[in-house]
Structure formats: C-alpha cells, structure tokens
Amino acid sequence: PNAEEFHKETVMRVQNLHYADCLRANKGTSAWGLELRVPFLDT
C-alpha cells in the first residue's frame, strides 16, 4: 500500500529467511554433501 509498509515487509522477509529460502537452500544441497553460497546475503 505504501513505501513504509513495503519496507517493513522486506525487513520481516529478511529476518525470516532462515525459516524458508535459506533453510531450503542450505539443507536441500547439504543432503548430498554440496555447499551452496548466496552472495546477495553477504552481510
């Protein structure tokens, strides 16, 4: 609806990455002994 709500939602999504995309990416590749690196999430 507006920029402020957009920002709050992106903050929430970043803080919740470990429940979804990071969890899937790490464990899905690690299941076969493969390391996955994610440059967009460089601190």
All heavy atoms as atom14 arrays in JSON, in Angstrom:
{
  "sequence": "PNAEEFHKETVMRVQNLHYADCLRANKGTSAWGLELRVPFLDT",
  "atom14_mask": [
    [1, 1, 1, 1, 1, 1, 1, 0, 0, 0, 0, 0, 0, 0],
    [1, 1, 1, 1, 1, 1, 1, 1, 0, 0, 0, 0, 0, 0],
    [1, 1, 1, 1, 1, 0, 0, 0, 0, 0, 0, 0, 0, 0],
    [1, 1, 1, 1, 1, 1, 1, 1, 1, 0, 0, 0, 0, 0],
    [1, 1, 1, 1, 1, 1, 1, 1, 1, 0, 0, 0, 0, 0],
    [1, 1, 1, 1, 1, 1, 1, 1, 1, 1, 1, 0, 0, 0],
    [1, 1, 1, 1, 1, 1, 1, 1, 1, 1, 0, 0, 0, 0],
    [1, 1, 1, 1, 1, 1, 1, 1, 1, 0, 0, 0, 0, 0],
    [1, 1, 1, 1, 1, 1, 1, 1, 1, 0, 0, 0, 0, 0],
    [1, 1, 1, 1, 1, 1, 1, 0, 0, 0, 0, 0, 0, 0],
    [1, 1, 1, 1, 1, 1, 1, 0, 0, 0, 0, 0, 0, 0],
    [1, 1, 1, 1, 1, 1, 1, 1, 0, 0, 0, 0, 0, 0],
    [1, 1, 1, 1, 1, 1, 1, 1, 1, 1, 1, 0, 0, 0],
    [1, 1, 1, 1, 1, 1, 1, 0, 0, 0, 0, 0, 0, 0],
    [1, 1, 1, 1, 1, 1, 1, 1, 1, 0, 0, 0, 0, 0],
    [1, 1, 1, 1, 1, 1, 1, 1, 0, 0, 0, 0, 0, 0],
    [1, 1, 1, 1, 1, 1, 1, 1, 0, 0, 0, 0, 0, 0],
    [1, 1, 1, 1, 1, 1, 1, 1, 1, 1, 0, 0, 0, 0],
    [1, 1, 1, 1, 1, 1, 1, 1, 1, 1, 1, 1, 0, 0],
    [1, 1, 1, 1, 1, 0, 0, 0, 0, 0, 0, 0, 0, 0],
    [1, 1, 1, 1, 1, 1, 1, 1, 0, 0, 0, 0, 0, 0],
    [1, 1, 1, 1, 1, 1, 0, 0, 0, 0, 0, 0, 0, 0],
    [1, 1, 1, 1, 1, 1, 1, 1, 0, 0, 0, 0, 0, 0],
    [1, 1, 1, 1, 1, 1, 1, 1, 1, 1, 1, 0, 0, 0],
    [1, 1, 1, 1, 1, 0, 0, 0, 0, 0, 0, 0, 0, 0],
    [1, 1, 1, 1, 1, 1, 1, 1, 0, 0, 0, 0, 0, 0],
    [1, 1, 1, 1, 1, 1, 1, 1, 1, 0, 0, 0, 0, 0],
    [1, 1, 1, 1, 0, 0, 0, 0, 0, 0, 0, 0, 0, 0],
    [1, 1, 1, 1, 1, 1, 1, 0, 0, 0, 0, 0, 0, 0],
    [1, 1, 1, 1, 1, 1, 0, 0, 0, 0, 0, 0, 0, 0],
    [1, 1, 1, 1, 1, 0, 0, 0, 0, 0, 0, 0, 0, 0],
    [1, 1, 1, 1, 1, 1, 1, 1, 1, 1, 1, 1, 1, 1],
    [1, 1, 1, 1, 0, 0, 0, 0, 0, 0, 0, 0, 0, 0],
    [1, 1, 1, 1, 1, 1, 1, 1, 0, 0, 0, 0, 0, 0],
    [1, 1, 1, 1, 1, 1, 1, 1, 1, 0, 0, 0, 0, 0],
    [1, 1, 1, 1, 1, 1, 1, 1, 0, 0, 0, 0, 0, 0],
    [1, 1, 1, 1, 1, 1, 1, 1, 1, 1, 1, 0, 0, 0],
    [1, 1, 1, 1, 1, 1, 1, 0, 0, 0, 0, 0, 0, 0],
    [1, 1, 1, 1, 1, 1, 1, 0, 0, 0, 0, 0, 0, 0],
    [1, 1, 1, 1, 1, 1, 1, 1, 1, 1, 1, 0, 0, 0],
    [1, 1, 1, 1, 1, 1, 1, 1, 0, 0, 0, 0, 0, 0],
    [1, 1, 1, 1, 1, 1, 1, 1, 0, 0, 0, 0, 0, 0],
    [1, 1, 1, 1, 1, 1, 1, 0, 0, 0, 0, 0, 0, 0]
  ],
  "atom14_positions": [
    [[0.8, -1.24, 0.0], [0.0, 0.0, 0.0], [0.83, 1.28, 0.0], [0.37, 2.31, -0.48], [-0.84, -0.13, 1.28], [-0.07, -1.07, 2.15], [0.62, -2.02, 1.23], [0.0, 0.0, 0.0], [0.0, 0.0, 0.0], [0.0, 0.0, 0.0], [0.0, 0.0, 0.0], [0.0, 0.0, 0.0], [0.0, 0.0, 0.0], [0.0, 0.0, 0.0]],
    [[2.04, 1.23, 0.55], [2.89, 2.42, 0.6], [4.33, 2.01, 0.89], [4.62, 0.83, 1.16], [2.39, 3.41, 1.66], [2.24, 2.77, 3.03], [3.18, 2.2, 3.57], [1.03, 2.84, 3.59], [0.0, 0.0, 0.0], [0.0, 0.0, 0.0], [0.0, 0.0, 0.0], [0.0, 0.0, 0.0], [0.0, 0.0, 0.0], [0.0, 0.0, 0.0]],
    [[5.24, 2.98, 0.84], [6.66, 2.71, 1.0], [7.0, 2.19, 2.39], [7.85, 1.32, 2.55], [7.48, 3.97, 0.7], [0.0, 0.0, 0.0], [0.0, 0.0, 0.0], [0.0, 0.0, 0.0], [0.0, 0.0, 0.0], [0.0, 0.0, 0.0], [0.0, 0.0, 0.0], [0.0, 0.0, 0.0], [0.0, 0.0, 0.0], [0.0, 0.0, 0.0]],
    [[6.35, 2.74, 3.4], [6.64, 2.32, 4.76], [6.27, 0.85, 4.98], [7.04, 0.08, 5.57], [5.9, 3.2, 5.76], [6.27, 2.91, 7.21], [5.68, 3.91, 8.18], [5.1, 4.9, 7.72], [5.83, 3.69, 9.4], [0.0, 0.0, 0.0], [0.0, 0.0, 0.0], [0.0, 0.0, 0.0], [0.0, 0.0, 0.0], [0.0, 0.0, 0.0]],
    [[5.1, 0.46, 4.49], [4.68, -0.93, 4.63], [5.57, -1.86, 3.78], [5.86, -2.99, 4.18], [3.21, -1.08, 4.21], [2.23, -0.5, 5.21], [2.39, -1.13, 6.58], [2.35, -2.37, 6.68], [2.56, -0.37, 7.56], [0.0, 0.0, 0.0], [0.0, 0.0, 0.0], [0.0, 0.0, 0.0], [0.0, 0.0, 0.0], [0.0, 0.0, 0.0]],
    [[5.98, -1.38, 2.63], [6.9, -2.14, 1.79], [8.2, -2.43, 2.56], [8.69, -3.56, 2.58], [7.21, -1.36, 0.51], [8.26, -1.99, -0.36], [7.91, -2.88, -1.37], [9.61, -1.69, -0.18], [8.88, -3.45, -2.19], [10.59, -2.27, -0.99], [10.22, -3.15, -1.99], [0.0, 0.0, 0.0], [0.0, 0.0, 0.0], [0.0, 0.0, 0.0]],
    [[8.74, -1.4, 3.2], [10.0, -1.58, 3.94], [9.82, -2.55, 5.1], [10.65, -3.46, 5.29], [10.52, -0.24, 4.46], [11.8, -0.38, 5.24], [12.99, -0.75, 4.66], [12.06, -0.22, 6.57], [13.94, -0.81, 5.59], [13.4, -0.49, 6.74], [0.0, 0.0, 0.0], [0.0, 0.0, 0.0], [0.0, 0.0, 0.0], [0.0, 0.0, 0.0]],
    [[8.76, -2.4, 5.85], [8.52, -3.31, 6.98], [8.43, -4.75, 6.51], [8.93, -5.67, 7.17], [7.23, -2.91, 7.72], [7.34, -1.62, 8.52], [6.02, -1.31, 9.2], [6.09, -0.02, 10.01], [4.78, 0.31, 10.64], [0.0, 0.0, 0.0], [0.0, 0.0, 0.0], [0.0, 0.0, 0.0], [0.0, 0.0, 0.0], [0.0, 0.0, 0.0]],
    [[7.8, -4.94, 5.35], [7.65, -6.3, 4.83], [9.0, -6.88, 4.39], [9.27, -8.06, 4.61], [6.65, -6.3, 3.67], [6.34, -7.68, 3.11], [5.52, -8.56, 4.03], [5.1, -8.09, 5.12], [5.27, -9.73, 3.66], [0.0, 0.0, 0.0], [0.0, 0.0, 0.0], [0.0, 0.0, 0.0], [0.0, 0.0, 0.0], [0.0, 0.0, 0.0]],
    [[9.84, -6.06, 3.77], [11.16, -6.57, 3.37], [12.01, -6.89, 4.6], [12.73, -7.88, 4.61], [11.91, -5.57, 2.47], [12.05, -4.31, 3.12], [11.2, -5.39, 1.15], [0.0, 0.0, 0.0], [0.0, 0.0, 0.0], [0.0, 0.0, 0.0], [0.0, 0.0, 0.0], [0.0, 0.0, 0.0], [0.0, 0.0, 0.0], [0.0, 0.0, 0.0]],
    [[11.91, -6.07, 5.63], [12.63, -6.36, 6.88], [12.17, -7.7, 7.45], [12.99, -8.55, 7.84], [12.44, -5.23, 7.91], [13.02, -5.65, 9.27], [13.1, -3.95, 7.44], [0.0, 0.0, 0.0], [0.0, 0.0, 0.0], [0.0, 0.0, 0.0], [0.0, 0.0, 0.0], [0.0, 0.0, 0.0], [0.0, 0.0, 0.0], [0.0, 0.0, 0.0]],
    [[10.87, -7.9, 7.49], [10.33, -9.16, 8.01], [10.81, -10.33, 7.17], [11.21, -11.38, 7.71], [8.8, -9.1, 8.03], [8.12, -10.34, 8.64], [7.94, -11.73, 7.5], [6.69, -11.09, 6.4], [0.0, 0.0, 0.0], [0.0, 0.0, 0.0], [0.0, 0.0, 0.0], [0.0, 0.0, 0.0], [0.0, 0.0, 0.0], [0.0, 0.0, 0.0]],
    [[10.81, -10.18, 5.84], [11.25, -11.27, 4.97], [12.73, -11.58, 5.17], [13.13, -12.75, 5.19], [10.98, -10.9, 3.5], [9.53, -11.02, 3.09], [9.05, -12.46, 3.13], [7.62, -12.56, 2.86], [6.86, -13.56, 3.27], [7.37, -14.54, 3.97], [5.57, -13.59, 3.0], [0.0, 0.0, 0.0], [0.0, 0.0, 0.0], [0.0, 0.0, 0.0]],
    [[13.54, -10.57, 5.32], [14.97, -10.8, 5.56], [15.17, -11.51, 6.89], [15.94, -12.48, 6.99], [15.76, -9.46, 5.54], [17.19, -9.66, 6.05], [15.78, -8.88, 4.14], [0.0, 0.0, 0.0], [0.0, 0.0, 0.0], [0.0, 0.0, 0.0], [0.0, 0.0, 0.0], [0.0, 0.0, 0.0], [0.0, 0.0, 0.0], [0.0, 0.0, 0.0]],
    [[14.47, -11.06, 7.91], [14.62, -11.67, 9.24], [14.07, -13.09, 9.3], [14.46, -13.87, 10.17], [13.93, -10.8, 10.28], [14.63, -9.46, 10.51], [13.96, -8.63, 11.57], [12.73, -8.57, 11.67], [14.75, -7.96, 12.38], [0.0, 0.0, 0.0], [0.0, 0.0, 0.0], [0.0, 0.0, 0.0], [0.0, 0.0, 0.0], [0.0, 0.0, 0.0]],
    [[13.17, -13.44, 8.37], [12.58, -14.78, 8.36], [13.18, -15.7, 7.3], [12.66, -16.81, 7.09], [11.07, -14.68, 8.15], [10.35, -14.19, 9.39], [10.92, -14.14, 10.48], [9.1, -13.81, 9.23], [0.0, 0.0, 0.0], [0.0, 0.0, 0.0], [0.0, 0.0, 0.0], [0.0, 0.0, 0.0], [0.0, 0.0, 0.0], [0.0, 0.0, 0.0]],
    [[14.24, -15.27, 6.64], [14.85, -16.09, 5.6], [15.27, -17.46, 6.12], [15.24, -18.45, 5.39], [16.07, -15.38, 5.01], [15.82, -14.53, 3.77], [16.99, -13.58, 3.54], [15.58, -15.4, 2.56], [0.0, 0.0, 0.0], [0.0, 0.0, 0.0], [0.0, 0.0, 0.0], [0.0, 0.0, 0.0], [0.0, 0.0, 0.0], [0.0, 0.0, 0.0]],
    [[15.64, -17.53, 7.39], [16.14, -18.8, 7.93], [15.02, -19.83, 8.11], [15.29, -21.02, 8.3], [16.84, -18.57, 9.27], [15.95, -18.09, 10.38], [15.43, -16.82, 10.41], [15.49, -18.71, 11.5], [14.7, -16.68, 11.5], [14.71, -17.81, 12.18], [0.0, 0.0, 0.0], [0.0, 0.0, 0.0], [0.0, 0.0, 0.0], [0.0, 0.0, 0.0]],
    [[13.76, -19.39, 8.01], [12.64, -20.32, 8.07], [12.31, -20.9, 6.69], [11.62, -21.92, 6.6], [11.38, -19.63, 8.58], [11.39, -19.24, 10.03], [11.41, -17.9, 10.4], [11.36, -20.21, 11.03], [11.4, -17.53, 11.74], [11.35, -19.84, 12.37], [11.38, -18.51, 12.72], [11.38, -18.15, 14.04], [0.0, 0.0, 0.0], [0.0, 0.0, 0.0]],
    [[12.76, -20.25, 5.63], [12.29, -20.63, 4.29], [13.43, -20.79, 3.3], [14.04, -21.85, 3.22], [11.27, -19.58, 3.81], [0.0, 0.0, 0.0], [0.0, 0.0, 0.0], [0.0, 0.0, 0.0], [0.0, 0.0, 0.0], [0.0, 0.0, 0.0], [0.0, 0.0, 0.0], [0.0, 0.0, 0.0], [0.0, 0.0, 0.0], [0.0, 0.0, 0.0]],
    [[13.76, -19.72, 2.55], [14.72, -19.86, 1.46], [16.1, -20.32, 1.91], [16.71, -21.18, 1.28], [14.84, -18.54, 0.7], [13.65, -18.31, -0.22], [12.52, -18.64, 0.2], [13.84, -17.81, -1.34], [0.0, 0.0, 0.0], [0.0, 0.0, 0.0], [0.0, 0.0, 0.0], [0.0, 0.0, 0.0], [0.0, 0.0, 0.0], [0.0, 0.0, 0.0]],
    [[16.61, -19.75, 3.0], [17.93, -20.17, 3.49], [17.89, -21.62, 3.98], [18.82, -22.4, 3.75], [18.41, -19.25, 4.61], [19.01, -17.66, 4.01], [0.0, 0.0, 0.0], [0.0, 0.0, 0.0], [0.0, 0.0, 0.0], [0.0, 0.0, 0.0], [0.0, 0.0, 0.0], [0.0, 0.0, 0.0], [0.0, 0.0, 0.0], [0.0, 0.0, 0.0]],
    [[16.81, -21.97, 4.66], [16.66, -23.33, 5.16], [16.61, -24.32, 4.0], [17.32, -25.33, 3.99], [15.39, -23.4, 6.01], [15.03, -24.75, 6.62], [14.42, -24.54, 8.0], [14.02, -25.5, 5.75], [0.0, 0.0, 0.0], [0.0, 0.0, 0.0], [0.0, 0.0, 0.0], [0.0, 0.0, 0.0], [0.0, 0.0, 0.0], [0.0, 0.0, 0.0]],
    [[15.78, -24.02, 3.01], [15.66, -24.91, 1.85], [16.95, -25.0, 1.06], [17.4, -26.07, 0.67], [14.51, -24.41, 0.97], [14.3, -25.2, -0.31], [14.85, -24.48, -1.52], [14.31, -23.15, -1.66], [14.84, -22.23, -2.44], [15.93, -22.5, -3.13], [14.32, -21.01, -2.52], [0.0, 0.0, 0.0], [0.0, 0.0, 0.0], [0.0, 0.0, 0.0]],
    [[17.59, -23.85, 0.84], [18.81, -23.82, 0.03], [19.95, -24.57, 0.71], [20.67, -25.35, 0.08], [19.22, -22.37, -0.24], [0.0, 0.0, 0.0], [0.0, 0.0, 0.0], [0.0, 0.0, 0.0], [0.0, 0.0, 0.0], [0.0, 0.0, 0.0], [0.0, 0.0, 0.0], [0.0, 0.0, 0.0], [0.0, 0.0, 0.0], [0.0, 0.0, 0.0]],
    [[20.1, -24.34, 2.01], [21.19, -24.99, 2.73], [20.97, -26.49, 2.88], [21.83, -27.31, 2.55], [21.38, -24.34, 4.1], [22.51, -24.97, 4.88], [22.36, -26.02, 5.51], [23.68, -24.35, 4.83], [0.0, 0.0, 0.0], [0.0, 0.0, 0.0], [0.0, 0.0, 0.0], [0.0, 0.0, 0.0], [0.0, 0.0, 0.0], [0.0, 0.0, 0.0]],
    [[19.79, -26.86, 3.36], [19.56, -28.28, 3.65], [19.3, -29.09, 2.39], [19.64, -30.29, 2.34], [18.41, -28.42, 4.64], [18.73, -27.85, 6.02], [17.55, -28.0, 6.95], [17.85, -27.46, 8.33], [16.69, -27.53, 9.24], [0.0, 0.0, 0.0], [0.0, 0.0, 0.0], [0.0, 0.0, 0.0], [0.0, 0.0, 0.0], [0.0, 0.0, 0.0]],
    [[18.72, -28.46, 1.37], [18.48, -29.18, 0.13], [19.76, -29.58, -0.58], [19.85, -30.65, -1.18], [0.0, 0.0, 0.0], [0.0, 0.0, 0.0], [0.0, 0.0, 0.0], [0.0, 0.0, 0.0], [0.0, 0.0, 0.0], [0.0, 0.0, 0.0], [0.0, 0.0, 0.0], [0.0, 0.0, 0.0], [0.0, 0.0, 0.0], [0.0, 0.0, 0.0]],
    [[20.76, -28.72, -0.52], [22.06, -29.04, -1.13], [22.91, -29.9, -0.19], [23.58, -30.83, -0.62], [22.82, -27.76, -1.5], [22.87, -26.88, -0.36], [22.15, -27.04, -2.66], [0.0, 0.0, 0.0], [0.0, 0.0, 0.0], [0.0, 0.0, 0.0], [0.0, 0.0, 0.0], [0.0, 0.0, 0.0], [0.0, 0.0, 0.0], [0.0, 0.0, 0.0]],
    [[22.86, -29.61, 1.1], [23.66, -30.37, 2.07], [23.22, -31.82, 2.16], [24.0, -32.67, 2.59], [23.54, -29.72, 3.46], [24.14, -28.45, 3.48], [0.0, 0.0, 0.0], [0.0, 0.0, 0.0], [0.0, 0.0, 0.0], [0.0, 0.0, 0.0], [0.0, 0.0, 0.0], [0.0, 0.0, 0.0], [0.0, 0.0, 0.0], [0.0, 0.0, 0.0]],
    [[22.0, -32.12, 1.74], [21.53, -33.51, 1.75], [22.43, -34.4, 0.92], [22.51, -35.61, 1.14], [20.1, -33.57, 1.23], [0.0, 0.0, 0.0], [0.0, 0.0, 0.0], [0.0, 0.0, 0.0], [0.0, 0.0, 0.0], [0.0, 0.0, 0.0], [0.0, 0.0, 0.0], [0.0, 0.0, 0.0], [0.0, 0.0, 0.0], [0.0, 0.0, 0.0]],
    [[23.14, -33.8, -0.06], [24.06, -34.56, -0.91], [25.5, -34.08, -0.76], [26.33, -34.28, -1.66], [23.61, -34.47, -2.38], [22.26, -35.06, -2.57], [21.09, -34.42, -2.79], [21.94, -36.46, -2.51], [20.05, -35.3, -2.87], [20.55, -36.57, -2.71], [22.69, -37.62, -2.3], [19.88, -37.8, -2.71], [22.03, -38.85, -2.31], [20.64, -38.93, -2.51]],
    [[25.82, -33.45, 0.37], [27.2, -33.03, 0.61], [27.66, -31.95, -0.36], [28.8, -31.97, -0.84], [0.0, 0.0, 0.0], [0.0, 0.0, 0.0], [0.0, 0.0, 0.0], [0.0, 0.0, 0.0], [0.0, 0.0, 0.0], [0.0, 0.0, 0.0], [0.0, 0.0, 0.0], [0.0, 0.0, 0.0], [0.0, 0.0, 0.0], [0.0, 0.0, 0.0]],
    [[26.79, -31.0, -0.65], [27.08, -29.91, -1.56], [26.93, -28.59, -0.81], [25.96, -28.41, -0.07], [26.12, -29.96, -2.75], [26.28, -28.93, -3.87], [27.59, -29.15, -4.62], [25.09, -29.03, -4.84], [0.0, 0.0, 0.0], [0.0, 0.0, 0.0], [0.0, 0.0, 0.0], [0.0, 0.0, 0.0], [0.0, 0.0, 0.0], [0.0, 0.0, 0.0]],
    [[27.89, -27.69, -0.98], [27.81, -26.38, -0.31], [27.21, -25.34, -1.25], [27.62, -25.23, -2.41], [29.2, -25.93, 0.12], [29.22, -24.53, 0.73], [30.56, -24.18, 1.34], [30.92, -24.79, 2.37], [31.26, -23.32, 0.78], [0.0, 0.0, 0.0], [0.0, 0.0, 0.0], [0.0, 0.0, 0.0], [0.0, 0.0, 0.0], [0.0, 0.0, 0.0]],
    [[26.26, -24.58, -0.74], [25.63, -23.52, -1.52], [25.96, -22.16, -0.89], [25.82, -21.99, 0.33], [24.12, -23.72, -1.58], [23.35, -22.71, -2.43], [22.29, -23.4, -3.27], [22.68, -21.65, -1.53], [0.0, 0.0, 0.0], [0.0, 0.0, 0.0], [0.0, 0.0, 0.0], [0.0, 0.0, 0.0], [0.0, 0.0, 0.0], [0.0, 0.0, 0.0]],
    [[26.4, -21.23, -1.73], [26.75, -19.89, -1.26], [25.83, -18.85, -1.89], [25.45, -18.98, -3.05], [28.21, -19.56, -1.59], [29.2, -20.49, -0.92], [30.63, -20.07, -1.21], [31.6, -21.0, -0.65], [32.91, -20.9, -0.8], [33.41, -19.89, -1.52], [33.72, -21.78, -0.27], [0.0, 0.0, 0.0], [0.0, 0.0, 0.0], [0.0, 0.0, 0.0]],
    [[25.52, -17.81, -1.12], [24.49, -16.85, -1.51], [25.03, -15.41, -1.41], [24.86, -14.75, -0.4], [23.23, -17.02, -0.63], [22.44, -18.23, -1.08], [23.6, -17.2, 0.85], [0.0, 0.0, 0.0], [0.0, 0.0, 0.0], [0.0, 0.0, 0.0], [0.0, 0.0, 0.0], [0.0, 0.0, 0.0], [0.0, 0.0, 0.0], [0.0, 0.0, 0.0]],
    [[25.66, -14.91, -2.48], [26.28, -13.57, -2.43], [25.32, -12.44, -2.1], [25.73, -11.44, -1.5], [26.86, -13.41, -3.84], [27.09, -14.8, -4.33], [25.98, -15.61, -3.74], [0.0, 0.0, 0.0], [0.0, 0.0, 0.0], [0.0, 0.0, 0.0], [0.0, 0.0, 0.0], [0.0, 0.0, 0.0], [0.0, 0.0, 0.0], [0.0, 0.0, 0.0]],
    [[24.04, -12.57, -2.5], [23.09, -11.5, -2.18], [22.92, -11.32, -0.67], [22.5, -10.26, -0.21], [21.72, -11.8, -2.8], [21.6, -11.4, -4.25], [21.6, -12.35, -5.25], [21.49, -10.06, -4.61], [21.48, -11.99, -6.59], [21.37, -9.68, -5.94], [21.38, -10.66, -6.94], [0.0, 0.0, 0.0], [0.0, 0.0, 0.0], [0.0, 0.0, 0.0]],
    [[23.26, -12.36, 0.11], [23.1, -12.28, 1.56], [24.42, -12.02, 2.28], [24.51, -12.2, 3.48], [22.43, -13.55, 2.08], [20.99, -13.74, 1.58], [20.4, -15.03, 2.09], [20.12, -12.54, 1.99], [0.0, 0.0, 0.0], [0.0, 0.0, 0.0], [0.0, 0.0, 0.0], [0.0, 0.0, 0.0], [0.0, 0.0, 0.0], [0.0, 0.0, 0.0]],
    [[25.42, -11.59, 1.53], [26.64, -11.07, 2.15], [26.24, -9.94, 3.11], [25.45, -9.06, 2.75], [27.57, -10.55, 1.06], [28.79, -9.83, 1.61], [29.76, -10.51, 1.97], [28.75, -8.58, 1.7], [0.0, 0.0, 0.0], [0.0, 0.0, 0.0], [0.0, 0.0, 0.0], [0.0, 0.0, 0.0], [0.0, 0.0, 0.0], [0.0, 0.0, 0.0]],
    [[26.77, -9.95, 4.31], [26.32, -9.01, 5.35], [26.45, -7.56, 4.9], [25.53, -6.74, 5.09], [27.11, -9.22, 6.65], [26.95, -10.57, 7.08], [26.61, -8.29, 7.74], [0.0, 0.0, 0.0], [0.0, 0.0, 0.0], [0.0, 0.0, 0.0], [0.0, 0.0, 0.0], [0.0, 0.0, 0.0], [0.0, 0.0, 0.0], [0.0, 0.0, 0.0]]
  ]
}
